[in-house]
């Protein structure tokens, strides 16, 4: 965006002149393309803030710039001393929104509309605040009331996608709306985040990583993108990059609880010493053990028996003994030989990791009600865990709530990147369903 770079930020902040939505967008685009402009903005704001003889118009300019720097409460205090115009009310709303004061934000957006700010922009901002306040259907009603060119804008498409997702609508519709939003504006941070999150949930890590990066590179950055990008960097053991993501959040929100916890976890992980060669061997073994048994050409009888026993991977087989397999109905010596040959081709054997099997509490189906059985059979995704916790569930091979509660807290903590924060999150989610981890 060349035009965003062909202006003097200090000149625009300190001296009277045209200052409206177009100039604010120029600031954002310039900083996104070159962070040296952020320092220029910060220095100019400090100089203007030090002046005692600011006019109401200067207070509006200062307040908006404070918002861009992430100093939201200070922005509110200064904007209230502004000229009472449309721009002042609109950025009062945006500052209240970030501080989660949603009703105040809604009132400010309405005041901005009445003062002459773009009606569609005010409506979209109100829909965002209403959705975050916990009423996505009311937000959808606001979006439904809009018509015309606004329906093809990236912000409208993003808000609609996020609202449909909040209501629990069709995931395919949500993805389509986000994709259309990115087509309308390839740099829309919210739409990029939404699309990244949907890819992340589907295990499309490379696509999600790229989208999170693009969203986080915008200014002001999308907090959700920075947090999830940090988690993905941790999974890749790129701890310095993860720390940078969390620190960027804390630079703007010094008291952000999740960013502070994630930063602490990432620092602890980056300080761990380990034998690199040993780790590589463990990683290779882990990859082999995670190979699905369906990747091999087994007889129908063997395949059906393994499926009935819940044996999905080579690792599952290595935790079984010959006696356990032979005790399964229709599993005979022929199938046993076939299984042994399959494992031998990968340097493995039956019972190799039998001592590592978890001793678990057994739930007798007849002792549970139909509702309890249904609850334990629900997918782990129904707990709406954070990205980090969810990925640890995948690593541990936990796919249902019933499988989760058969694990102890200590067993979960053995999983890479699963810390006390994630453990507390899992316990809280289970508590809402009246469940506990084994041993709790």
Protein backbone atom coordinates (compact mmCIF):
# COMPACT_ATOMS: atom_id res chain seq x y z
CA UNK A 1 0.00 0.00 0.00
CA UNK A 2 2.40 2.75 -1.21
CA UNK A 3 0.06 5.61 -0.49
CA UNK A 4 0.07 4.69 3.21
CA UNK A 5 3.82 5.36 3.32
CA UNK A 6 3.80 8.73 1.54
CA UNK A 7 2.83 10.82 4.52
CA UNK A 8 4.37 12.13 7.71
CA UNK A 9 2.80 10.52 10.78
CA UNK A 10 4.21 13.14 13.14
CA UNK A 11 2.85 15.94 10.97
CA UNK A 12 -0.63 14.38 10.92
CA UNK A 13 -0.72 13.79 14.67
CA UNK A 14 0.68 17.10 15.87
CA UNK A 15 -0.77 19.60 13.44
CA UNK A 16 -4.35 20.49 12.60
CA UNK A 17 -5.64 19.17 9.33
CA UNK A 18 -7.97 16.59 7.92
CA UNK A 19 -8.26 13.64 10.29
CA UNK A 20 -10.92 11.00 9.76
CA UNK A 21 -11.44 7.32 8.96
CA UNK A 22 -9.25 7.51 5.85
CA UNK A 23 -6.28 8.88 7.80
CA UNK A 24 -6.76 6.32 10.59
CA UNK A 25 -6.65 3.51 8.01
CA UNK A 26 -3.50 5.04 6.54
CA UNK A 27 -1.87 4.88 9.96
CA UNK A 28 -2.84 1.22 10.36
CA UNK A 29 -1.64 0.25 6.87
CA UNK A 30 1.66 2.08 7.30
CA UNK A 31 2.42 0.41 10.64
CA UNK A 32 1.45 -3.03 9.31
CA UNK A 33 3.95 -2.62 6.47
CA UNK A 34 6.76 -1.14 8.60
CA UNK A 35 6.85 -1.19 12.40
CA UNK A 36 9.13 1.87 12.43
CA UNK A 37 5.93 3.84 11.84
CA UNK A 38 4.65 2.52 15.16
CA UNK A 39 7.56 4.18 16.92
CA UNK A 40 6.89 7.40 15.01
CA UNK A 41 3.24 7.29 16.08
CA UNK A 42 4.17 6.55 19.69
CA UNK A 43 6.64 9.45 19.83
CA UNK A 44 4.19 11.88 18.23
CA UNK A 45 1.44 10.82 20.65
CA UNK A 46 3.75 11.37 23.62
CA UNK A 47 4.52 14.88 22.35
CA UNK A 48 0.86 15.75 21.80
CA UNK A 49 -0.17 14.23 25.14
CA UNK A 50 2.33 16.48 26.92
CA UNK A 51 0.64 19.64 25.62
CA UNK A 52 -1.71 21.42 28.03
CA UNK A 53 -3.44 23.61 25.48
CA UNK A 54 -5.04 20.95 23.30
CA UNK A 55 -8.23 21.86 21.48
CA UNK A 56 -11.25 19.51 21.47
CA UNK A 57 -10.31 18.49 17.91
CA UNK A 58 -6.75 17.73 19.04
CA UNK A 59 -8.14 15.58 21.85
CA UNK A 60 -10.05 13.52 19.28
CA UNK A 61 -6.89 13.04 17.23
CA UNK A 62 -4.95 12.11 20.37
CA UNK A 63 -7.67 9.76 21.61
CA UNK A 64 -7.86 7.87 18.33
CA UNK A 65 -4.08 7.51 18.24
CA UNK A 66 -4.06 6.26 21.83
CA UNK A 67 -6.58 3.64 20.73
CA UNK A 68 -4.23 2.57 17.93
CA UNK A 69 -1.41 2.22 20.48
CA UNK A 70 -3.56 0.00 22.67
CA UNK A 71 -3.98 2.49 25.54
CA UNK A 72 -7.72 2.07 25.70
CA UNK A 73 -8.64 3.55 29.06
CA UNK A 74 -6.50 6.61 28.37
CA UNK A 75 -8.13 6.86 24.92
CA UNK A 76 -11.58 6.93 26.56
CA UNK A 77 -10.54 9.65 29.01
CA UNK A 78 -9.19 11.85 26.22
CA UNK A 79 -11.99 11.22 23.72
CA UNK A 80 -14.53 12.32 26.32
CA UNK A 81 -12.79 15.70 26.22
CA UNK A 82 -13.12 15.83 22.44
CA UNK A 83 -15.51 17.73 20.24
CA UNK A 84 -18.39 15.26 20.66
CA UNK A 85 -18.31 14.49 16.95
CA UNK A 86 -18.86 11.27 15.04
CA UNK A 87 -15.21 10.14 15.05
CA UNK A 88 -14.91 10.67 18.81
CA UNK A 89 -18.03 8.60 19.55
CA UNK A 90 -17.01 5.83 17.17
CA UNK A 91 -13.57 5.34 18.74
CA UNK A 92 -15.06 5.64 22.18
CA UNK A 93 -17.14 2.63 21.14
CA UNK A 94 -14.12 0.73 19.86
CA UNK A 95 -12.19 1.42 23.06
CA UNK A 96 -15.10 0.33 25.26
CA UNK A 97 -15.45 -2.79 23.11
CA UNK A 98 -11.85 -3.89 23.66
CA UNK A 99 -12.30 -3.38 27.41
CA UNK A 100 -15.39 -5.65 27.19
CA UNK A 101 -17.76 -2.85 28.19
CA UNK A 102 -20.18 -3.87 25.48
CA UNK A 103 -23.24 -1.84 26.45
CA UNK A 104 -21.17 1.34 26.60
CA UNK A 105 -19.72 0.44 23.20
CA UNK A 106 -23.21 -0.06 21.71
CA UNK A 107 -24.36 3.31 23.02
CA UNK A 108 -21.27 5.03 21.63
CA UNK A 109 -21.74 3.46 18.19
CA UNK A 110 -25.35 4.68 18.16
CA UNK A 111 -24.19 8.18 19.16
CA UNK A 112 -21.64 8.06 16.33
CA UNK A 113 -24.39 7.16 13.85
CA UNK A 114 -26.54 10.03 15.03
CA UNK A 115 -23.55 12.37 14.74
CA UNK A 116 -23.08 11.41 11.10
CA UNK A 117 -20.60 8.50 11.08
CA UNK A 118 -21.15 5.93 8.31
CA UNK A 119 -24.40 4.15 9.19
CA UNK A 120 -23.30 0.76 7.89
CA UNK A 121 -20.00 0.89 9.81
CA UNK A 122 -21.87 1.75 13.00
CA UNK A 123 -24.35 -1.07 12.45
CA UNK A 124 -21.57 -3.61 11.88
CA UNK A 125 -19.76 -2.41 15.00
CA UNK A 126 -22.97 -2.69 17.03
CA UNK A 127 -23.54 -6.22 15.72
CA UNK A 128 -20.03 -7.15 16.85
CA UNK A 129 -20.61 -5.75 20.34
CA UNK A 130 -24.04 -7.38 20.64
CA UNK A 131 -22.60 -10.77 19.63
CA UNK A 132 -19.80 -10.49 22.18
CA UNK A 133 -22.29 -9.47 24.85
CA UNK A 134 -23.85 -12.92 24.46
CA UNK A 135 -26.76 -12.34 22.08
CA UNK A 136 -25.72 -13.62 18.62
CA UNK A 137 -29.32 -13.82 17.37
CA UNK A 138 -29.83 -10.11 18.05
CA UNK A 139 -26.54 -9.49 16.22
CA UNK A 140 -27.83 -11.50 13.27
CA UNK A 141 -30.99 -9.38 13.24
CA UNK A 142 -28.83 -6.26 12.91
CA UNK A 143 -26.95 -7.80 10.01
CA UNK A 144 -30.20 -8.88 8.35
CA UNK A 145 -31.40 -5.27 8.48
CA UNK A 146 -28.52 -4.16 6.24
CA UNK A 147 -28.74 -4.25 2.47
CA UNK A 148 -26.95 -3.04 -0.60
CA UNK A 149 -23.22 -2.72 -1.19
CA UNK A 150 -22.37 -3.31 2.46
CA UNK A 151 -23.37 -6.98 2.07
CA UNK A 152 -20.35 -7.53 -0.20
CA UNK A 153 -17.81 -5.92 2.14
CA UNK A 154 -15.24 -7.96 4.04
CA UNK A 155 -16.42 -6.64 7.41
CA UNK A 156 -20.05 -7.61 6.77
CA UNK A 157 -19.11 -11.09 5.52
CA UNK A 158 -16.79 -11.60 8.49
CA UNK A 159 -19.40 -10.45 11.01
CA UNK A 160 -21.99 -12.71 9.45
CA UNK A 161 -19.62 -15.69 9.49
CA UNK A 162 -18.70 -15.10 13.14
CA UNK A 163 -22.36 -14.68 14.08
CA UNK A 164 -23.48 -17.84 12.29
CA UNK A 165 -20.65 -19.68 14.08
CA UNK A 166 -21.75 -18.25 17.46
CA UNK A 167 -25.30 -19.46 16.86
CA UNK A 168 -24.01 -22.93 16.01
CA UNK A 169 -24.86 -22.76 12.32
CA UNK A 170 -23.59 -24.83 9.43
CA UNK A 171 -19.75 -24.92 9.55
CA UNK A 172 -19.59 -25.00 5.76
CA UNK A 173 -21.56 -21.75 5.60
CA UNK A 174 -19.20 -20.19 8.15
CA UNK A 175 -16.14 -21.15 6.11
CA UNK A 176 -17.73 -19.89 2.90
CA UNK A 177 -18.48 -16.51 4.49
CA UNK A 178 -14.92 -16.16 5.80
CA UNK A 179 -13.52 -17.11 2.39
CA UNK A 180 -15.69 -14.50 0.69
CA UNK A 181 -14.54 -11.93 3.25
CA UNK A 182 -10.88 -12.68 2.50
CA UNK A 183 -11.62 -12.46 -1.24
CA UNK A 184 -13.12 -9.00 -0.64
CA UNK A 185 -10.13 -7.93 1.48
CA UNK A 186 -7.19 -10.30 1.70
CA UNK A 187 -5.87 -8.41 4.74
CA UNK A 188 -9.01 -8.41 6.90
CA UNK A 189 -7.64 -9.57 10.31
CA UNK A 190 -10.95 -10.92 11.65
CA UNK A 191 -11.76 -12.92 8.54
CA UNK A 192 -8.22 -14.29 8.37
CA UNK A 193 -8.48 -15.34 12.02
CA UNK A 194 -11.87 -16.96 11.51
CA UNK A 195 -10.67 -18.90 8.49
CA UNK A 196 -7.47 -19.89 10.30
CA UNK A 197 -9.48 -21.18 13.26
CA UNK A 198 -11.72 -23.29 11.04
CA UNK A 199 -8.67 -24.81 9.32
CA UNK A 200 -7.02 -25.35 12.70
CA UNK A 201 -10.06 -27.27 13.95
CA UNK A 202 -9.93 -29.49 10.89
CA UNK A 203 -6.24 -30.27 11.34
CA UNK A 204 -5.09 -28.23 8.32
CA UNK A 205 -2.06 -26.97 10.23
CA UNK A 206 -0.08 -25.48 7.35
CA UNK A 207 -3.02 -23.47 6.03
CA UNK A 208 -3.97 -22.37 9.56
CA UNK A 209 -0.40 -21.27 10.30
CA UNK A 210 -0.25 -19.14 7.17
CA UNK A 211 -3.62 -17.51 7.91
CA UNK A 212 -2.73 -16.81 11.55
CA UNK A 213 0.51 -15.16 10.37
CA UNK A 214 -1.34 -12.97 7.90
CA UNK A 215 -3.90 -11.93 10.50
CA UNK A 216 -1.26 -11.23 13.16
CA UNK A 217 0.73 -9.07 10.73
CA UNK A 218 -2.07 -6.52 10.50
CA UNK A 219 -2.37 -3.50 12.77
CA UNK A 220 -3.85 -3.41 15.30
CA UNK A 221 -3.09 -7.16 15.54
CA UNK A 222 -5.82 -9.70 16.18
CA UNK A 223 -5.29 -11.04 19.72
CA UNK A 224 -6.80 -14.46 18.97
CA UNK A 225 -4.44 -14.87 16.01
CA UNK A 226 -1.40 -14.01 18.12
CA UNK A 227 -2.38 -16.48 20.86
CA UNK A 228 -3.12 -19.35 18.48
CA UNK A 229 -0.05 -18.58 16.38
CA UNK A 230 2.02 -18.76 19.55
CA UNK A 231 0.54 -22.17 20.36
CA UNK A 232 1.33 -23.45 16.88
CA UNK A 233 4.91 -22.19 17.18
CA UNK A 234 5.20 -24.06 20.48
CA UNK A 235 4.03 -27.25 18.76
CA UNK A 236 6.80 -26.67 16.24
CA UNK A 237 9.23 -26.06 19.15
CA UNK A 238 9.87 -22.53 17.87
CA UNK A 239 9.67 -21.10 21.36
CA UNK A 240 11.25 -17.73 20.62
CA UNK A 241 8.58 -16.99 18.03
CA UNK A 242 5.89 -18.15 20.44
CA UNK A 243 7.23 -15.83 23.13
CA UNK A 244 7.17 -12.92 20.68
CA UNK A 245 3.49 -13.57 19.94
CA UNK A 246 2.50 -13.65 23.61
CA UNK A 247 4.63 -10.59 24.37
CA UNK A 248 2.91 -8.63 21.58
CA UNK A 249 -0.42 -9.33 23.28
CA UNK A 250 0.94 -8.28 26.68
CA UNK A 251 2.42 -5.10 25.22
CA UNK A 252 -1.14 -4.06 24.39
CA UNK A 253 -3.00 -5.85 27.20
CA UNK A 254 -0.58 -5.99 30.16
CA UNK A 255 -3.09 -7.94 32.27
CA UNK A 256 -4.24 -10.42 29.63
CA UNK A 257 -4.53 -13.66 31.68
CA UNK A 258 -4.17 -16.23 28.89
CA UNK A 259 -1.23 -14.45 27.26
CA UNK A 260 0.54 -14.24 30.63
CA UNK A 261 0.00 -17.96 31.32
CA UNK A 262 1.02 -18.99 27.81
CA UNK A 263 4.14 -16.82 28.05
CA UNK A 264 5.10 -18.53 31.31
CA UNK A 265 4.53 -22.00 29.83
CA UNK A 266 6.53 -21.17 26.71
CA UNK A 267 9.42 -19.80 28.78
CA UNK A 268 9.47 -23.01 30.82
CA UNK A 269 9.46 -25.14 27.65
CA UNK A 270 12.23 -23.13 26.01
CA UNK A 271 14.42 -23.53 29.12
CA UNK A 272 14.22 -27.34 29.07
CA UNK A 273 17.38 -29.22 28.13
CA UNK A 274 17.14 -32.49 26.28
CA UNK A 275 19.19 -35.01 24.32
CA UNK A 276 18.51 -34.11 20.70
CA UNK A 277 19.44 -37.53 19.29
CA UNK A 278 17.31 -39.30 21.87
CA UNK A 279 14.45 -36.97 21.14
CA UNK A 280 14.71 -37.69 17.42
CA UNK A 281 14.58 -41.42 18.10
CA UNK A 282 11.53 -40.98 20.31
CA UNK A 283 9.87 -38.87 17.64
CA UNK A 284 10.54 -41.51 14.97
CA UNK A 285 9.19 -44.25 17.20
CA UNK A 286 6.14 -42.12 18.00
CA UNK A 287 5.47 -41.66 14.29
CA UNK A 288 5.69 -45.41 13.67
CA UNK A 289 3.43 -46.25 16.60
CA UNK A 290 0.82 -43.79 15.36
CA UNK A 291 0.49 -45.53 11.96
CA UNK A 292 -3.11 -46.76 11.56
CA UNK A 293 -3.52 -50.52 11.16
CA UNK A 294 -5.79 -49.74 8.20
CA UNK A 295 -2.64 -48.73 6.27
CA UNK A 296 -1.76 -52.43 5.96
CA UNK A 297 -3.33 -55.11 3.79
CA UNK A 298 -4.92 -57.33 6.41
CA UNK A 299 -7.51 -60.03 5.96
CA UNK A 300 -11.12 -59.07 6.54
CA UNK A 301 -11.25 -61.25 9.67
CA UNK A 302 -8.16 -59.66 11.22
CA UNK A 303 -9.32 -56.15 10.35
CA UNK A 304 -12.77 -56.73 11.85
CA UNK A 305 -11.33 -58.23 15.05
CA UNK A 306 -8.95 -55.34 15.57
CA UNK A 307 -11.77 -52.86 15.00
CA UNK A 308 -14.00 -54.62 17.56
CA UNK A 309 -11.16 -54.51 20.11
CA UNK A 310 -10.65 -50.78 19.53
CA UNK A 311 -7.13 -51.30 18.15
CA UNK A 312 -6.51 -48.44 15.74
CA UNK A 313 -2.72 -48.03 15.55
CA UNK A 314 0.50 -50.06 15.68
CA UNK A 315 1.01 -48.61 19.14
CA UNK A 316 -2.28 -50.09 20.29
CA UNK A 317 -1.13 -53.48 19.01
CA UNK A 318 2.21 -53.23 20.82
CA UNK A 319 0.32 -52.76 24.06
CA UNK A 320 -1.59 -56.02 23.49
CA UNK A 321 -0.41 -59.54 24.28
CA UNK A 322 -0.93 -62.67 22.16
CA UNK A 323 -3.35 -63.98 24.77
CA UNK A 324 -5.50 -60.85 24.59
CA UNK A 325 -5.75 -61.08 20.81
CA UNK A 326 -6.50 -64.81 20.84
CA UNK A 327 -9.21 -64.29 23.44
CA UNK A 328 -11.14 -62.18 20.93
CA UNK A 329 -13.93 -64.01 19.12
CA UNK A 330 -12.95 -65.23 15.62
CA UNK A 331 -9.28 -64.27 16.13
CA UNK A 332 -7.18 -67.40 15.50
CA UNK A 333 -3.60 -68.47 14.88
CA UNK A 334 -3.73 -67.43 11.23
CA UNK A 335 -4.67 -63.86 12.16
CA UNK A 336 -2.04 -63.86 14.88
CA UNK A 337 0.71 -64.80 12.44
CA UNK A 338 -0.50 -62.12 10.04
CA UNK A 339 -0.38 -59.48 12.80
CA UNK A 340 3.09 -60.54 13.95
CA UNK A 341 4.46 -60.29 10.41
CA UNK A 342 2.94 -56.83 10.01
CA UNK A 343 4.57 -55.61 13.24
CA UNK A 344 7.91 -57.24 12.39
CA UNK A 345 8.02 -55.26 9.13
CA UNK A 346 8.26 -52.13 11.31
CA UNK A 347 10.64 -53.59 13.89
CA UNK A 348 7.88 -54.06 16.45
CA UNK A 349 6.37 -56.99 18.35
CA UNK A 350 3.22 -57.82 20.29
CA UNK A 351 3.33 -56.93 23.99
CA UNK A 352 6.38 -54.70 23.46
CA UNK A 353 4.79 -51.89 25.45
CA UNK A 354 2.27 -53.89 27.45
CA UNK A 355 3.61 -52.56 30.80
CA UNK A 356 2.84 -49.01 29.59
CA UNK A 357 -0.88 -49.68 29.35
CA UNK A 358 -3.01 -47.51 31.55
CA UNK A 359 -4.84 -49.23 34.38
CA UNK A 360 -8.25 -47.65 34.08
CA UNK A 361 -11.55 -47.74 35.82
CA UNK A 362 -13.96 -49.82 33.79
CA UNK A 363 -17.44 -48.47 33.22
CA UNK A 364 -19.95 -51.25 32.94
CA UNK A 365 -22.55 -50.17 30.34
CA UNK A 366 -25.38 -51.77 32.27
CA UNK A 367 -24.50 -49.61 35.31
CA UNK A 368 -24.99 -46.40 33.35
CA UNK A 369 -28.17 -44.75 32.19
CA UNK A 370 -28.75 -44.15 28.48
CA UNK A 371 -28.01 -40.44 28.98
CA UNK A 372 -24.75 -41.20 30.81
CA UNK A 373 -23.64 -43.60 28.10
CA UNK A 374 -24.45 -40.99 25.46
CA UNK A 375 -22.44 -38.36 27.34
CA UNK A 376 -19.36 -40.57 27.61
CA UNK A 377 -19.63 -41.40 23.92
CA UNK A 378 -19.67 -37.77 22.83
CA UNK A 379 -16.61 -36.51 20.93
CA UNK A 380 -13.98 -34.60 22.85
CA UNK A 381 -14.66 -31.61 20.56
CA UNK A 382 -17.93 -31.06 22.45
CA UNK A 383 -15.91 -29.77 25.43
CA UNK A 384 -14.75 -26.79 23.33
CA UNK A 385 -11.18 -27.03 24.60
CA UNK A 386 -8.50 -24.51 23.70
CA UNK A 387 -6.20 -25.24 20.76
CA UNK A 388 -3.37 -26.40 23.00
CA UNK A 389 -5.50 -28.77 25.07
CA UNK A 390 -7.27 -30.12 21.99
CA UNK A 391 -4.01 -30.93 20.24
CA UNK A 392 -2.79 -32.79 23.30
CA UNK A 393 -5.97 -34.87 23.21
CA UNK A 394 -5.12 -35.80 19.62
CA UNK A 395 -1.57 -36.77 20.60
CA UNK A 396 -2.88 -38.97 23.40
CA UNK A 397 -5.41 -40.64 21.10
CA UNK A 398 -8.34 -39.40 23.18
CA UNK A 399 -11.38 -38.95 20.96
CA UNK A 400 -14.35 -39.21 23.36
CA UNK A 401 -15.27 -37.81 26.77
CA UNK A 402 -15.37 -41.36 28.13
CA UNK A 403 -11.76 -41.95 27.07
CA UNK A 404 -10.73 -38.67 28.70
CA UNK A 405 -12.15 -39.42 32.15
CA UNK A 406 -10.29 -42.74 32.17
CA UNK A 407 -7.04 -40.74 32.36
CA UNK A 408 -5.49 -39.23 35.48
CA UNK A 409 -4.22 -35.67 35.69
CA UNK A 410 -0.64 -36.96 35.89
CA UNK A 411 -1.09 -38.96 32.70
CA UNK A 412 -2.32 -35.88 30.85
CA UNK A 413 0.60 -33.81 32.15
CA UNK A 414 3.00 -36.27 30.55
CA UNK A 415 1.88 -35.02 27.12
CA UNK A 416 4.16 -32.47 25.50
CA UNK A 417 2.92 -28.86 25.83
CA UNK A 418 0.15 -29.93 28.23
CA UNK A 419 0.70 -27.94 31.43
CA UNK A 420 -1.17 -27.13 34.61
CA UNK A 421 -3.14 -24.41 32.80
CA UNK A 422 -4.48 -26.94 30.29
CA UNK A 423 -5.17 -29.48 33.04
CA UNK A 424 -7.25 -26.96 35.00
CA UNK A 425 -9.13 -26.11 31.81
CA UNK A 426 -9.98 -29.79 31.22
CA UNK A 427 -11.11 -30.22 34.81
CA UNK A 428 -13.36 -27.14 34.59
CA UNK A 429 -14.95 -28.36 31.35
CA UNK A 430 -15.61 -31.80 32.83
CA UNK A 431 -17.08 -30.29 36.00
CA UNK A 432 -19.77 -28.54 33.94
CA UNK A 433 -20.94 -32.04 32.91
CA UNK A 434 -20.66 -33.45 36.43
CA UNK A 435 -17.56 -35.48 35.52
CA UNK A 436 -14.01 -35.81 36.84
CA UNK A 437 -10.71 -37.25 35.71
CA UNK A 438 -9.79 -40.64 37.16
CA UNK A 439 -8.29 -40.18 40.61
CA UNK A 440 -9.68 -36.66 41.14
